Amino acid sequence: MEKNMGTVDRAVRAVVGVVLLAMCFTWPHTIWGLVGIVPFSTAVVGTCPLYRLLGIRTGP
């Protein structure tokens, strides 16, 4: 897959993903913290399927 995310975009997604995942293990112990898997995984891979559909590129 072609990467379509820039460095800043990936860093923000990684931080948001980790924070949301931390909600699963700390207060408020909510299952919604698992939503953090999506931004974290897209940050690791460097490709966002939604960006691809919309034709957006934040990277080089």
C-alpha atoms as a PDB file:
ATOM      1  CA  MET A   1       0.000   0.000   0.000  1.00  0.00           C
ATOM      2  CA  GLU A   2       1.127   3.512  -0.740  1.00  0.00           C
ATOM      3  CA  LYS A   3       1.655   5.696   2.325  1.00  0.00           C
ATOM      4  CA  ASN A   4      -0.626   8.730   2.346  1.00  0.00           C
ATOM      5  CA  MET A   5       0.075  10.180   5.808  1.00  0.00           C
ATOM      6  CA  GLY A   6       2.720  12.668   6.877  1.00  0.00           C
ATOM      7  CA  THR A   7       4.879  12.561   9.988  1.00  0.00           C
ATOM      8  CA  VAL A   8       2.776  14.984  12.035  1.00  0.00           C
ATOM      9  CA  ASP A   9      -0.449  13.190  11.105  1.00  0.00           C
ATOM     10  CA  ARG A  10       1.045   9.841  12.108  1.00  0.00           C
ATOM     11  CA  ALA A  11       2.363  11.202  15.412  1.00  0.00           C
ATOM     12  CA  VAL A  12      -0.988  12.738  16.358  1.00  0.00           C
ATOM     13  CA  ARG A  13      -2.818   9.516  15.498  1.00  0.00           C
ATOM     14  CA  ALA A  14      -0.338   7.456  17.521  1.00  0.00           C
ATOM     15  CA  VAL A  15      -0.780   9.649  20.608  1.00  0.00           C
ATOM     16  CA  VAL A  16      -4.580   9.659  20.302  1.00  0.00           C
ATOM     17  CA  GLY A  17      -4.574   5.895  19.805  1.00  0.00           C
ATOM     18  CA  VAL A  18      -2.422   5.247  22.856  1.00  0.00           C
ATOM     19  CA  VAL A  19      -4.564   7.554  25.012  1.00  0.00           C
ATOM     20  CA  LEU A  20      -7.760   5.812  23.903  1.00  0.00           C
ATOM     21  CA  LEU A  21      -6.234   2.377  24.450  1.00  0.00           C
ATOM     22  CA  ALA A  22      -5.126   3.434  27.928  1.00  0.00           C
ATOM     23  CA  MET A  23      -8.789   4.044  28.755  1.00  0.00           C
ATOM     24  CA  CYS A  24      -9.319   0.266  28.594  1.00  0.00           C
ATOM     25  CA  PHE A  25      -6.896  -0.276  31.469  1.00  0.00           C
ATOM     26  CA  THR A  26      -7.385   2.843  33.581  1.00  0.00           C
ATOM     27  CA  TRP A  27     -10.354   4.896  34.667  1.00  0.00           C
ATOM     28  CA  PRO A  28     -13.120   4.872  33.312  1.00  0.00           C
ATOM     29  CA  HIS A  29     -12.554   1.225  32.163  1.00  0.00           C
ATOM     30  CA  THR A  30     -14.640   1.595  29.055  1.00  0.00           C
ATOM     31  CA  ILE A  31     -14.719  -0.689  26.056  1.00  0.00           C
ATOM     32  CA  TRP A  32     -14.785   2.401  23.844  1.00  0.00           C
ATOM     33  CA  GLY A  33     -11.075   2.669  24.472  1.00  0.00           C
ATOM     34  CA  LEU A  34     -10.653  -0.112  21.935  1.00  0.00           C
ATOM     35  CA  VAL A  35     -11.517   2.461  19.275  1.00  0.00           C
ATOM     36  CA  GLY A  36      -7.899   3.554  19.801  1.00  0.00           C
ATOM     37  CA  ILE A  37      -6.795   0.547  17.766  1.00  0.00           C
ATOM     38  CA  VAL A  38      -7.894   2.295  14.564  1.00  0.00           C
ATOM     39  CA  PRO A  39      -5.831   5.511  14.813  1.00  0.00           C
ATOM     40  CA  PHE A  40      -2.861   3.663  16.291  1.00  0.00           C
ATOM     41  CA  SER A  41      -2.792   1.022  13.569  1.00  0.00           C
ATOM     42  CA  THR A  42      -3.140   3.585  10.776  1.00  0.00           C
ATOM     43  CA  ALA A  43      -0.264   5.538  12.330  1.00  0.00           C
ATOM     44  CA  VAL A  44       1.942   2.454  12.413  1.00  0.00           C
ATOM     45  CA  VAL A  45       1.112   1.446   8.837  1.00  0.00           C
ATOM     46  CA  GLY A  46       1.166   5.018   7.483  1.00  0.00           C
ATOM     47  CA  THR A  47      -1.912   4.530   5.334  1.00  0.00           C
ATOM     48  CA  CYS A  48      -5.441   5.727   6.015  1.00  0.00           C
ATOM     49  CA  PRO A  49      -8.160   3.993   3.980  1.00  0.00           C
ATOM     50  CA  LEU A  50     -10.487   6.982   4.366  1.00  0.00           C
ATOM     51  CA  TYR A  51      -7.811   9.322   3.020  1.00  0.00           C
ATOM     52  CA  ARG A  52      -7.431   7.015   0.029  1.00  0.00           C
ATOM     53  CA  LEU A  53     -11.171   7.131  -0.698  1.00  0.00           C
ATOM     54  CA  LEU A  54     -11.235  10.921  -0.429  1.00  0.00           C
ATOM     55  CA  GLY A  55      -7.979  11.445  -2.333  1.00  0.00           C
ATOM     56  CA  ILE A  56      -6.228  13.166   0.581  1.00  0.00           C
ATOM     57  CA  ARG A  57      -2.456  13.024   1.148  1.00  0.00           C
ATOM     58  CA  THR A  58      -0.778  14.625   4.152  1.00  0.00           C
ATOM     59  CA  GLY A  59       2.628  13.198   3.327  1.00  0.00           C
ATOM     60  CA  PRO A  60       5.146  13.731   0.569  1.00  0.00           C
END
